[in-house]
PDB file of N, CA and C in Angstrom:
ATOM      1  N   UNK A   1       0.859  -1.176   0.000  1.00  0.00           N
ATOM      2  CA  UNK A   1       0.000   0.000   0.000  1.00  0.00           C
ATOM      3  C   UNK A   1       0.903   1.235   0.000  1.00  0.00           C
ATOM      4  N   UNK A   2       0.541   2.199  -0.826  1.00  0.00           N
ATOM      5  CA  UNK A   2       1.366   3.409  -0.910  1.00  0.00           C
ATOM      6  C   UNK A   2       1.189   4.252   0.340  1.00  0.00           C
ATOM      7  N   UNK A   3       2.145   5.144   0.580  1.00  0.00           N
ATOM      8  CA  UNK A   3       2.039   6.050   1.707  1.00  0.00           C
ATOM      9  C   UNK A   3       0.791   6.902   1.659  1.00  0.00           C
ATOM     10  N   UNK A   4       0.350   7.249   0.456  1.00  0.00           N
ATOM     11  CA  UNK A   4      -0.877   8.039   0.316  1.00  0.00           C
ATOM     12  C   UNK A   4      -2.081   7.315   0.907  1.00  0.00           C
ATOM     13  N   UNK A   5      -2.176   6.017   0.655  1.00  0.00           N
ATOM     14  CA  UNK A   5      -3.334   5.247   1.112  1.00  0.00           C
ATOM     15  C   UNK A   5      -3.411   5.165   2.628  1.00  0.00           C
ATOM     16  N   UNK A   6      -2.300   5.395   3.296  1.00  0.00           N
ATOM     17  CA  UNK A   6      -2.272   5.331   4.755  1.00  0.00           C
ATOM     18  C   UNK A   6      -2.613   6.666   5.402  1.00  0.00           C
ATOM     19  N   UNK A   7      -2.707   7.715   4.595  1.00  0.00           N
ATOM     20  CA  UNK A   7      -3.003   9.038   5.138  1.00  0.00           C
ATOM     21  C   UNK A   7      -4.510   9.253   5.264  1.00  0.00           C
ATOM     22  N   UNK A   8      -4.864  10.252   6.034  1.00  0.00           N
ATOM     23  CA  UNK A   8      -6.266  10.626   6.202  1.00  0.00           C
ATOM     24  C   UNK A   8      -6.505  11.983   5.557  1.00  0.00           C
ATOM     25  N   UNK A   9      -7.731  12.191   5.126  1.00  0.00           N
ATOM     26  CA  UNK A   9      -8.103  13.470   4.534  1.00  0.00           C
ATOM     27  C   UNK A   9      -8.125  14.545   5.609  1.00  0.00           C
ATOM     28  N   UNK A  10      -7.778  15.744   5.210  1.00  0.00           N
ATOM     29  CA  UNK A  10      -7.887  16.880   6.114  1.00  0.00           C
ATOM     30  C   UNK A  10      -9.173  17.626   5.770  1.00  0.00           C
ATOM     31  N   UNK A  11      -9.782  18.186   6.774  1.00  0.00           N
ATOM     32  CA  UNK A  11     -10.998  18.971   6.532  1.00  0.00           C
ATOM     33  C   UNK A  11     -10.637  20.165   5.667  1.00  0.00           C
ATOM     34  N   UNK A  12     -11.444  20.416   4.657  1.00  0.00           N
ATOM     35  CA  UNK A  12     -11.182  21.594   3.830  1.00  0.00           C
ATOM     36  C   UNK A  12     -12.501  22.257   3.457  1.00  0.00           C
ATOM     37  N   UNK A  13     -12.395  23.497   3.046  1.00  0.00           N
ATOM     38  CA  UNK A  13     -13.579  24.262   2.670  1.00  0.00           C
ATOM     39  C   UNK A  13     -13.284  25.009   1.377  1.00  0.00           C
ATOM     40  N   UNK A  14     -14.186  25.873   0.983  1.00  0.00           N
ATOM     41  CA  UNK A  14     -14.073  26.579  -0.296  1.00  0.00           C
ATOM     42  C   UNK A  14     -12.821  27.452  -0.395  1.00  0.00           C
ATOM     43  N   UNK A  15     -12.197  27.789   0.736  1.00  0.00           N
ATOM     44  CA  UNK A  15     -10.987  28.612   0.688  1.00  0.00           C
ATOM     45  C   UNK A  15      -9.704  27.772   0.681  1.00  0.00           C
ATOM     46  N   UNK A  16      -9.840  26.449   0.724  1.00  0.00           N
ATOM     47  CA  UNK A  16      -8.660  25.584   0.692  1.00  0.00           C
ATOM     48  C   UNK A  16      -7.996  25.695  -0.683  1.00  0.00           C
ATOM     49  N   UNK A  17      -6.678  25.641  -0.715  1.00  0.00           N
ATOM     50  CA  UNK A  17      -5.989  25.762  -2.011  1.00  0.00           C
ATOM     51  C   UNK A  17      -6.041  24.460  -2.804  1.00  0.00           C
ATOM     52  N   UNK A  18      -6.129  24.611  -4.121  1.00  0.00           N
ATOM     53  CA  UNK A  18      -5.976  23.458  -5.003  1.00  0.00           C
ATOM     54  C   UNK A  18      -4.502  23.077  -4.986  1.00  0.00           C
ATOM     55  N   UNK A  19      -4.198  21.837  -5.375  1.00  0.00           N
ATOM     56  CA  UNK A  19      -2.792  21.445  -5.466  1.00  0.00           C
ATOM     57  C   UNK A  19      -2.119  22.256  -6.560  1.00  0.00           C
ATOM     58  N   UNK A  20      -0.859  22.569  -6.338  1.00  0.00           N
ATOM     59  CA  UNK A  20      -0.076  23.261  -7.367  1.00  0.00           C
ATOM     60  C   UNK A  20       0.292  22.251  -8.454  1.00  0.00           C
ATOM     61  N   UNK A  21       0.781  22.730  -9.581  1.00  0.00           N
ATOM     62  CA  UNK A  21       1.205  21.826 -10.655  1.00  0.00           C
ATOM     63  C   UNK A  21       2.295  20.885 -10.156  1.00  0.00           C
ATOM     64  N   UNK A  22       3.230  21.403  -9.369  1.00  0.00           N
ATOM     65  CA  UNK A  22       4.309  20.571  -8.838  1.00  0.00           C
ATOM     66  C   UNK A  22       3.764  19.510  -7.878  1.00  0.00           C
ATOM     67  N   UNK A  23       2.861  19.908  -6.971  1.00  0.00           N
ATOM     68  CA  UNK A  23       2.248  18.952  -6.048  1.00  0.00           C
ATOM     69  C   UNK A  23       1.457  17.893  -6.817  1.00  0.00           C
ATOM     70  N   UNK A  24       0.748  18.325  -7.839  1.00  0.00           N
ATOM     71  CA  UNK A  24      -0.046  17.403  -8.644  1.00  0.00           C
ATOM     72  C   UNK A  24       0.840  16.341  -9.290  1.00  0.00           C
ATOM     73  N   UNK A  25       1.947  16.769  -9.879  1.00  0.00           N
ATOM     74  CA  UNK A  25       2.877  15.819 -10.511  1.00  0.00           C
ATOM     75  C   UNK A  25       3.422  14.832  -9.481  1.00  0.00           C
ATOM     76  N   UNK A  26       3.798  15.337  -8.327  1.00  0.00           N
ATOM     77  CA  UNK A  26       4.356  14.484  -7.276  1.00  0.00           C
ATOM     78  C   UNK A  26       3.314  13.490  -6.746  1.00  0.00           C
ATOM     79  N   UNK A  27       2.134  13.978  -6.435  1.00  0.00           N
ATOM     80  CA  UNK A  27       1.078  13.123  -5.893  1.00  0.00           C
ATOM     81  C   UNK A  27       0.593  12.105  -6.923  1.00  0.00           C
ATOM     82  N   UNK A  28       0.578  12.502  -8.186  1.00  0.00           N
ATOM     83  CA  UNK A  28       0.093  11.601  -9.243  1.00  0.00           C
ATOM     84  C   UNK A  28       0.987  10.371  -9.376  1.00  0.00           C
ATOM     85  N   UNK A  29       2.250  10.491  -9.000  1.00  0.00           N
ATOM     86  CA  UNK A  29       3.162   9.340  -9.040  1.00  0.00           C
ATOM     87  C   UNK A  29       2.665   8.206  -8.145  1.00  0.00           C
ATOM     88  N   UNK A  30       1.936   8.543  -7.089  1.00  0.00           N
ATOM     89  CA  UNK A  30       1.403   7.535  -6.171  1.00  0.00           C
ATOM     90  C   UNK A  30       0.133   6.861  -6.656  1.00  0.00           C
ATOM     91  N   UNK A  31      -0.471   7.427  -7.703  1.00  0.00           N
ATOM     92  CA  UNK A  31      -1.720   6.867  -8.259  1.00  0.00           C
ATOM     93  C   UNK A  31      -1.666   6.953  -9.786  1.00  0.00           C
ATOM     94  N   UNK A  32      -0.635   6.369 -10.346  1.00  0.00           N
ATOM     95  CA  UNK A  32      -0.355   6.522 -11.778  1.00  0.00           C
ATOM     96  C   UNK A  32      -1.433   5.969 -12.693  1.00  0.00           C
ATOM     97  N   UNK A  33      -2.252   5.051 -12.216  1.00  0.00           N
ATOM     98  CA  UNK A  33      -3.309   4.485 -13.062  1.00  0.00           C
ATOM     99  C   UNK A  33      -4.507   5.422 -13.208  1.00  0.00           C
ATOM    100  N   UNK A  34      -4.493   6.520 -12.489  1.00  0.00           N
ATOM    101  CA  UNK A  34      -5.590   7.486 -12.529  1.00  0.00           C
ATOM    102  C   UNK A  34      -5.299   8.560 -13.568  1.00  0.00           C
ATOM    103  N   UNK A  35      -6.301   8.860 -14.343  1.00  0.00           N
ATOM    104  CA  UNK A  35      -6.208   9.916 -15.351  1.00  0.00           C
ATOM    105  C   UNK A  35      -6.579  11.245 -14.701  1.00  0.00           C
ATOM    106  N   UNK A  36      -5.834  12.276 -15.002  1.00  0.00           N
ATOM    107  CA  UNK A  36      -6.210  13.625 -14.576  1.00  0.00           C
ATOM    108  C   UNK A  36      -6.866  14.285 -15.782  1.00  0.00           C
ATOM    109  N   UNK A  37      -8.117  14.675 -15.612  1.00  0.00           N
ATOM    110  CA  UNK A  37      -8.832  15.293 -16.717  1.00  0.00           C
ATOM    111  C   UNK A  37      -9.641  16.481 -16.229  1.00  0.00           C
ATOM    112  N   UNK A  38     -10.059  17.302 -17.175  1.00  0.00           N
ATOM    113  CA  UNK A  38     -10.868  18.473 -16.863  1.00  0.00           C
ATOM    114  C   UNK A  38     -12.303  18.206 -17.302  1.00  0.00           C
ATOM    115  N   UNK A  39     -13.229  18.371 -16.370  1.00  0.00           N
ATOM    116  CA  UNK A  39     -14.652  18.201 -16.647  1.00  0.00           C
ATOM    117  C   UNK A  39     -15.346  19.497 -16.249  1.00  0.00           C
ATOM    118  N   UNK A  40     -15.933  20.148 -17.218  1.00  0.00           N
ATOM    119  CA  UNK A  40     -16.590  21.439 -16.964  1.00  0.00           C
ATOM    120  C   UNK A  40     -15.662  22.415 -16.250  1.00  0.00           C
ATOM    121  N   UNK A  41     -14.395  22.411 -16.651  1.00  0.00           N
ATOM    122  CA  UNK A  41     -13.429  23.348 -16.099  1.00  0.00           C
ATOM    123  C   UNK A  41     -12.847  22.957 -14.748  1.00  0.00           C
ATOM    124  N   UNK A  42     -13.210  21.776 -14.226  1.00  0.00           N
ATOM    125  CA  UNK A  42     -12.691  21.315 -12.945  1.00  0.00           C
ATOM    126  C   UNK A  42     -11.828  20.074 -13.157  1.00  0.00           C
ATOM    127  N   UNK A  43     -10.602  20.097 -12.626  1.00  0.00           N
ATOM    128  CA  UNK A  43      -9.755  18.914 -12.735  1.00  0.00           C
ATOM    129  C   UNK A  43     -10.256  17.818 -11.810  1.00  0.00           C
ATOM    130  N   UNK A  44     -10.195  16.588 -12.322  1.00  0.00           N
ATOM    131  CA  UNK A  44     -10.637  15.417 -11.575  1.00  0.00           C
ATOM    132  C   UNK A  44      -9.661  14.275 -11.808  1.00  0.00           C
ATOM    133  N   UNK A  45      -9.654  13.332 -10.866  1.00  0.00           N
ATOM    134  CA  UNK A  45      -8.966  12.062 -11.041  1.00  0.00           C
ATOM    135  C   UNK A  45     -10.023  11.036 -11.423  1.00  0.00           C
ATOM    136  N   UNK A  46      -9.750  10.217 -12.443  1.00  0.00           N
ATOM    137  CA  UNK A  46     -10.733   9.219 -12.865  1.00  0.00           C
ATOM    138  C   UNK A  46     -10.035   7.918 -13.221  1.00  0.00           C
ATOM    139  N   UNK A  47     -10.657   6.823 -12.795  1.00  0.00           N
ATOM    140  CA  UNK A  47     -10.153   5.491 -13.142  1.00  0.00           C
ATOM    141  C   UNK A  47     -11.326   4.531 -13.276  1.00  0.00           C
ATOM    142  N   UNK A  48     -11.257   3.672 -14.274  1.00  0.00           N
ATOM    143  CA  UNK A  48     -12.243   2.617 -14.464  1.00  0.00           C
ATOM    144  C   UNK A  48     -11.667   1.305 -13.939  1.00  0.00           C
ATOM    145  N   UNK A  49     -12.458   0.589 -13.164  1.00  0.00           N
ATOM    146  CA  UNK A  49     -12.072  -0.698 -12.586  1.00  0.00           C
ATOM    147  C   UNK A  49     -12.931  -1.785 -13.218  1.00  0.00           C
ATOM    148  N   UNK A  50     -12.313  -2.885 -13.633  1.00  0.00           N
ATOM    149  CA  UNK A  50     -13.038  -3.964 -14.312  1.00  0.00           C
ATOM    150  C   UNK A  50     -13.278  -5.142 -13.371  1.00  0.00           C
ATOM    151  N   UNK A  51     -14.442  -5.778 -13.577  1.00  0.00           N
ATOM    152  CA  UNK A  51     -14.862  -6.924 -12.765  1.00  0.00           C
ATOM    153  C   UNK A  51     -15.491  -7.986 -13.655  1.00  0.00           C
ATOM    154  N   UNK A  52     -15.691  -9.167 -13.101  1.00  0.00           N
ATOM    155  CA  UNK A  52     -16.284 -10.266 -13.872  1.00  0.00           C
ATOM    156  C   UNK A  52     -17.777 -10.087 -14.093  1.00  0.00           C
ATOM    157  N   UNK A  53     -18.432  -9.359 -13.190  1.00  0.00           N
ATOM    158  CA  UNK A  53     -19.885  -9.228 -13.298  1.00  0.00           C
ATOM    159  C   UNK A  53     -20.381  -7.995 -12.536  1.00  0.00           C
ATOM    160  N   UNK A  54     -21.674  -7.781 -12.590  1.00  0.00           N
ATOM    161  CA  UNK A  54     -22.281  -6.627 -11.937  1.00  0.00           C
ATOM    162  C   UNK A  54     -22.143  -6.715 -10.415  1.00  0.00           C
ATOM    163  N   UNK A  55     -22.337  -7.909  -9.858  1.00  0.00           N
ATOM    164  CA  UNK A  55     -22.297  -8.077  -8.399  1.00  0.00           C
ATOM    165  C   UNK A  55     -20.933  -7.679  -7.830  1.00  0.00           C
ATOM    166  N   UNK A  56     -19.844  -8.061  -8.510  1.00  0.00           N
ATOM    167  CA  UNK A  56     -18.512  -7.692  -8.035  1.00  0.00           C
ATOM    168  C   UNK A  56     -18.288  -6.186  -8.142  1.00  0.00           C
ATOM    169  N   UNK A  57     -18.751  -5.600  -9.227  1.00  0.00           N
ATOM    170  CA  UNK A  57     -18.619  -4.147  -9.392  1.00  0.00           C
ATOM    171  C   UNK A  57     -19.418  -3.418  -8.311  1.00  0.00           C
ATOM    172  N   UNK A  58     -20.604  -3.923  -8.010  1.00  0.00           N
ATOM    173  CA  UNK A  58     -21.445  -3.312  -6.969  1.00  0.00           C
ATOM    174  C   UNK A  58     -20.784  -3.425  -5.601  1.00  0.00           C
ATOM    175  N   UNK A  59     -20.228  -4.589  -5.285  1.00  0.00           N
ATOM    176  CA  UNK A  59     -19.556  -4.773  -3.997  1.00  0.00           C
ATOM    177  C   UNK A  59     -18.391  -3.787  -3.862  1.00  0.00           C
ATOM    178  N   UNK A  60     -17.656  -3.598  -4.955  1.00  0.00           N
ATOM    179  CA  UNK A  60     -16.540  -2.646  -4.935  1.00  0.00           C
ATOM    180  C   UNK A  60     -17.040  -1.221  -4.701  1.00  0.00           C
ATOM    181  N   UNK A  61     -18.094  -0.826  -5.396  1.00  0.00           N
ATOM    182  CA  UNK A  61     -18.608   0.538  -5.200  1.00  0.00           C
ATOM    183  C   UNK A  61     -19.093   0.731  -3.769  1.00  0.00           C
ATOM    184  N   UNK A  62     -19.631  -0.306  -3.161  1.00  0.00           N
ATOM    185  CA  UNK A  62     -20.044  -0.207  -1.759  1.00  0.00           C
ATOM    186  C   UNK A  62     -18.831  -0.022  -0.844  1.00  0.00           C
ATOM    187  N   UNK A  63     -17.718  -0.722  -1.154  1.00  0.00           N
ATOM    188  CA  UNK A  63     -16.482  -0.524  -0.372  1.00  0.00           C
ATOM    189  C   UNK A  63     -15.985   0.909  -0.512  1.00  0.00           C
ATOM    190  N   UNK A  64     -15.999   1.428  -1.742  1.00  0.00           N
ATOM    191  CA  UNK A  64     -15.559   2.798  -1.969  1.00  0.00           C
ATOM    192  C   UNK A  64     -16.477   3.769  -1.223  1.00  0.00           C
ATOM    193  N   UNK A  65     -17.768   3.488  -1.227  1.00  0.00           N
ATOM    194  CA  UNK A  65     -18.715   4.317  -0.489  1.00  0.00           C
ATOM    195  C   UNK A  65     -18.412   4.351   1.004  1.00  0.00           C
ATOM    196  N   UNK A  66     -18.039   3.200   1.565  1.00  0.00           N
ATOM    197  CA  UNK A  66     -17.688   3.151   2.984  1.00  0.00           C
ATOM    198  C   UNK A  66     -16.410   3.937   3.267  1.00  0.00           C
ATOM    199  N   UNK A  67     -15.425   3.821   2.377  1.00  0.00           N
ATOM    200  CA  UNK A  67     -14.202   4.614   2.527  1.00  0.00           C
ATOM    201  C   UNK A  67     -14.531   6.104   2.495  1.00  0.00           C
ATOM    202  N   UNK A  68     -15.381   6.491   1.555  1.00  0.00           N
ATOM    203  CA  UNK A  68     -15.763   7.899   1.389  1.00  0.00           C
ATOM    204  C   UNK A  68     -16.469   8.421   2.632  1.00  0.00           C
ATOM    205  N   UNK A  69     -17.400   7.638   3.147  1.00  0.00           N
ATOM    206  CA  UNK A  69     -18.121   8.055   4.349  1.00  0.00           C
ATOM    207  C   UNK A  69     -17.173   8.209   5.530  1.00  0.00           C
ATOM    208  N   UNK A  70     -16.208   7.300   5.629  1.00  0.00           N
ATOM    209  CA  UNK A  70     -15.244   7.341   6.729  1.00  0.00           C
ATOM    210  C   UNK A  70     -14.388   8.594   6.727  1.00  0.00           C
ATOM    211  N   UNK A  71     -14.163   9.161   5.556  1.00  0.00           N
ATOM    212  CA  UNK A  71     -13.339  10.368   5.448  1.00  0.00           C
ATOM    213  C   UNK A  71     -14.168  11.615   5.145  1.00  0.00           C
ATOM    214  N   UNK A  72     -15.474  11.452   4.982  1.00  0.00           N
ATOM    215  CA  UNK A  72     -16.376  12.550   4.628  1.00  0.00           C
ATOM    216  C   UNK A  72     -15.892  13.257   3.354  1.00  0.00           C
ATOM    217  N   UNK A  73     -15.503  12.433   2.387  1.00  0.00           N
ATOM    218  CA  UNK A  73     -15.033  12.933   1.091  1.00  0.00           C
ATOM    219  C   UNK A  73     -15.582  11.978   0.040  1.00  0.00           C
ATOM    220  N   UNK A  74     -16.419  12.461  -0.840  1.00  0.00           N
ATOM    221  CA  UNK A  74     -17.244  11.586  -1.672  1.00  0.00           C
ATOM    222  C   UNK A  74     -16.975  11.729  -3.168  1.00  0.00           C
ATOM    223  N   UNK A  75     -16.877  10.590  -3.867  1.00  0.00           N
ATOM    224  CA  UNK A  75     -16.603  10.593  -5.299  1.00  0.00           C
ATOM    225  C   UNK A  75     -17.882  10.550  -6.123  1.00  0.00           C
ATOM    226  N   UNK A  76     -17.699  10.675  -7.415  1.00  0.00           N
ATOM    227  CA  UNK A  76     -18.746  10.320  -8.372  1.00  0.00           C
ATOM    228  C   UNK A  76     -18.452   8.878  -8.763  1.00  0.00           C
ATOM    229  N   UNK A  77     -19.491   8.051  -8.784  1.00  0.00           N
ATOM    230  CA  UNK A  77     -19.333   6.636  -9.105  1.00  0.00           C
ATOM    231  C   UNK A  77     -20.302   6.278 -10.224  1.00  0.00           C
ATOM    232  N   UNK A  78     -19.772   5.683 -11.284  1.00  0.00           N
ATOM    233  CA  UNK A  78     -20.591   5.163 -12.370  1.00  0.00           C
ATOM    234  C   UNK A  78     -20.474   3.649 -12.320  1.00  0.00           C
ATOM    235  N   UNK A  79     -21.573   2.977 -12.034  1.00  0.00           N
ATOM    236  CA  UNK A  79     -21.608   1.521 -11.904  1.00  0.00           C
ATOM    237  C   UNK A  79     -22.232   0.926 -13.155  1.00  0.00           C
ATOM    238  N   UNK A  80     -21.515  -0.009 -13.772  1.00  0.00           N
ATOM    239  CA  UNK A  80     -21.999  -0.690 -14.971  1.00  0.00           C
ATOM    240  C   UNK A  80     -21.754  -2.181 -14.806  1.00  0.00           C
ATOM    241  N   UNK A  81     -22.250  -2.979 -15.745  1.00  0.00           N
ATOM    242  CA  UNK A  81     -21.980  -4.407 -15.707  1.00  0.00           C
ATOM    243  C   UNK A  81     -20.480  -4.627 -15.874  1.00  0.00           C
ATOM    244  N   UNK A  82     -19.847  -5.194 -14.861  1.00  0.00           N
ATOM    245  CA  UNK A  82     -18.436  -5.519 -14.935  1.00  0.00           C
ATOM    246  C   UNK A  82     -17.490  -4.335 -14.872  1.00  0.00           C
ATOM    247  N   UNK A  83     -17.983  -3.190 -14.469  1.00  0.00           N
ATOM    248  CA  UNK A  83     -17.128  -2.001 -14.469  1.00  0.00           C
ATOM    249  C   UNK A  83     -17.646  -0.964 -13.475  1.00  0.00           C
ATOM    250  N   UNK A  84     -16.711  -0.315 -12.802  1.00  0.00           N
ATOM    251  CA  UNK A  84     -17.035   0.817 -11.929  1.00  0.00           C
ATOM    252  C   UNK A  84     -16.032   1.921 -12.235  1.00  0.00           C
ATOM    253  N   UNK A  85     -16.533   3.097 -12.556  1.00  0.00           N
ATOM    254  CA  UNK A  85     -15.668   4.240 -12.832  1.00  0.00           C
ATOM    255  C   UNK A  85     -15.801   5.206 -11.660  1.00  0.00           C
ATOM    256  N   UNK A  86     -14.660   5.537 -11.067  1.00  0.00           N
ATOM    257  CA  UNK A  86     -14.626   6.401  -9.883  1.00  0.00           C
ATOM    258  C   UNK A  86     -13.939   7.705 -10.267  1.00  0.00           C
ATOM    259  N   UNK A  87     -14.526   8.817  -9.859  1.00  0.00           N
ATOM    260  CA  UNK A  87     -13.936  10.141 -10.078  1.00  0.00           C
ATOM    261  C   UNK A  87     -13.835  10.861  -8.734  1.00  0.00           C
ATOM    262  N   UNK A  88     -12.631  11.327  -8.442  1.00  0.00           N
ATOM    263  CA  UNK A  88     -12.386  12.091  -7.217  1.00  0.00           C
ATOM    264  C   UNK A  88     -12.011  13.517  -7.579  1.00  0.00           C
ATOM    265  N   UNK A  89     -12.605  14.472  -6.905  1.00  0.00           N
ATOM    266  CA  UNK A  89     -12.200  15.869  -6.929  1.00  0.00           C
ATOM    267  C   UNK A  89     -12.885  16.540  -5.753  1.00  0.00           C
ATOM    268  N   UNK A  90     -12.412  17.703  -5.398  1.00  0.00           N
ATOM    269  CA  UNK A  90     -12.976  18.393  -4.242  1.00  0.00           C
ATOM    270  C   UNK A  90     -13.968  19.430  -4.747  1.00  0.00           C
ATOM    271  N   UNK A  91     -15.223  19.119  -4.557  1.00  0.00           N
ATOM    272  CA  UNK A  91     -16.313  19.943  -5.077  1.00  0.00           C
ATOM    273  C   UNK A  91     -16.233  21.381  -4.573  1.00  0.00           C
ATOM    274  N   UNK A  92     -15.914  21.549  -3.285  1.00  0.00           N
ATOM    275  CA  UNK A  92     -15.936  22.889  -2.684  1.00  0.00           C
ATOM    276  C   UNK A  92     -14.890  23.833  -3.275  1.00  0.00           C
ATOM    277  N   UNK A  93     -13.799  23.281  -3.841  1.00  0.00           N
ATOM    278  CA  UNK A  93     -12.778  24.145  -4.446  1.00  0.00           C
ATOM    279  C   UNK A  93     -12.774  24.045  -5.966  1.00  0.00           C
ATOM    280  N   UNK A  94     -13.613  23.180  -6.509  1.00  0.00           N
ATOM    281  CA  UNK A  94     -13.709  23.054  -7.960  1.00  0.00           C
ATOM    282  C   UNK A  94     -12.456  22.503  -8.617  1.00  0.00           C
ATOM    283  N   UNK A  95     -11.813  21.556  -7.948  1.00  0.00           N
ATOM    284  CA  UNK A  95     -10.604  20.975  -8.511  1.00  0.00           C
ATOM    285  C   UNK A  95      -9.972  19.970  -7.584  1.00  0.00           C
ATOM    286  N   UNK A  96      -8.675  19.782  -7.751  1.00  0.00           N
ATOM    287  CA  UNK A  96      -7.960  18.751  -7.011  1.00  0.00           C
ATOM    288  C   UNK A  96      -7.282  19.276  -5.754  1.00  0.00           C
ATOM    289  N   UNK A  97      -7.427  18.493  -4.696  1.00  0.00           N
ATOM    290  CA  UNK A  97      -6.804  18.724  -3.398  1.00  0.00           C
ATOM    291  C   UNK A  97      -6.036  17.452  -3.057  1.00  0.00           C
ATOM    292  N   UNK A  98      -5.117  17.517  -2.135  1.00  0.00           N
ATOM    293  CA  UNK A  98      -4.377  16.321  -1.729  1.00  0.00           C
ATOM    294  C   UNK A  98      -5.331  15.202  -1.309  1.00  0.00           C
ATOM    295  N   UNK A  99      -6.460  15.552  -0.719  1.00  0.00           N
ATOM    296  CA  UNK A  99      -7.448  14.550  -0.300  1.00  0.00           C
ATOM    297  C   UNK A  99      -7.859  13.631  -1.447  1.00  0.00           C
ATOM    298  N   UNK A 100      -7.962  14.178  -2.647  1.00  0.00           N
ATOM    299  CA  UNK A 100      -8.397  13.386  -3.796  1.00  0.00           C
ATOM    300  C   UNK A 100      -7.366  12.306  -4.132  1.00  0.00           C
ATOM    301  N   UNK A 101      -6.102  12.629  -4.013  1.00  0.00           N
ATOM    302  CA  UNK A 101      -5.042  11.664  -4.280  1.00  0.00           C
ATOM    303  C   UNK A 101      -5.002  10.598  -3.182  1.00  0.00           C
ATOM    304  N   UNK A 102      -5.242  11.013  -1.948  1.00  0.00           N
ATOM    305  CA  UNK A 102      -5.328  10.054  -0.835  1.00  0.00           C
ATOM    306  C   UNK A 102      -6.458   9.065  -1.096  1.00  0.00           C
ATOM    307  N   UNK A 103      -7.610   9.576  -1.482  1.00  0.00           N
ATOM    308  CA  UNK A 103      -8.756   8.689  -1.702  1.00  0.00           C
ATOM    309  C   UNK A 103      -8.581   7.826  -2.946  1.00  0.00           C
ATOM    310  N   UNK A 104      -7.896   8.320  -3.952  1.00  0.00           N
ATOM    311  CA  UNK A 104      -7.593   7.492  -5.126  1.00  0.00           C
ATOM    312  C   UNK A 104      -6.695   6.325  -4.700  1.00  0.00           C
ATOM    313  N   UNK A 105      -5.700   6.606  -3.868  1.00  0.00           N
ATOM    314  CA  UNK A 105      -4.812   5.548  -3.383  1.00  0.00           C
ATOM    315  C   UNK A 105      -5.577   4.539  -2.530  1.00  0.00           C
ATOM    316  N   UNK A 106      -6.491   5.004  -1.719  1.00  0.00           N
ATOM    317  CA  UNK A 106      -7.298   4.094  -0.901  1.00  0.00           C
ATOM    318  C   UNK A 106      -8.231   3.258  -1.776  1.00  0.00           C
ATOM    319  N   UNK A 107      -8.722   3.857  -2.851  1.00  0.00           N
ATOM    320  CA  UNK A 107      -9.574   3.121  -3.787  1.00  0.00           C
ATOM    321  C   UNK A 107      -8.762   2.016  -4.451  1.00  0.00           C
ATOM    322  N   UNK A 108      -7.536   2.336  -4.873  1.00  0.00           N
ATOM    323  CA  UNK A 108      -6.655   1.331  -5.458  1.00  0.00           C
ATOM    324  C   UNK A 108      -6.421   0.180  -4.470  1.00  0.00           C
ATOM    325  N   UNK A 109      -6.170   0.510  -3.214  1.00  0.00           N
ATOM    326  CA  UNK A 109      -5.922  -0.517  -2.190  1.00  0.00           C
ATOM    327  C   UNK A 109      -7.147  -1.412  -2.015  1.00  0.00           C
ATOM    328  N   UNK A 110      -8.340  -0.844  -2.102  1.00  0.00           N
ATOM    329  CA  UNK A 110      -9.567  -1.639  -1.973  1.00  0.00           C
ATOM    330  C   UNK A 110      -9.754  -2.583  -3.152  1.00  0.00           C
ATOM    331  N   UNK A 111      -9.219  -2.217  -4.292  1.00  0.00           N
ATOM    332  CA  UNK A 111      -9.359  -3.014  -5.513  1.00  0.00           C
ATOM    333  C   UNK A 111      -8.432  -4.226  -5.504  1.00  0.00           C
ATOM    334  N   UNK A 112      -7.292  -4.115  -4.818  1.00  0.00           N
ATOM    335  CA  UNK A 112      -6.297  -5.203  -4.854  1.00  0.00           C
ATOM    336  C   UNK A 112      -6.573  -6.260  -3.842  1.00  0.00           C
TER     337      UNK A 112
END
């Protein structure tokens, strides 16, 4: 498990800073399978996870939901047959915060 996955989210609000380009590059090294993309002008981390069937994908999304509730930091989840796509970003700041990289790493750990 990466060091990121062992960290906890910090409380943040609308005045919290987004990660800098340098921080983003550094943090992304810990979650390299995640794509950084812009959706409606907001940067997000996104990764699709594959499963054998709907039930396995659903069980995984429930695990991610429990992780999210535990840290009070919630993703967008798209559940499909044999696939779950997870997107992390910090809604209150309209972009990426260190918390998003922590939760991406925790999501990866739940998948393995």
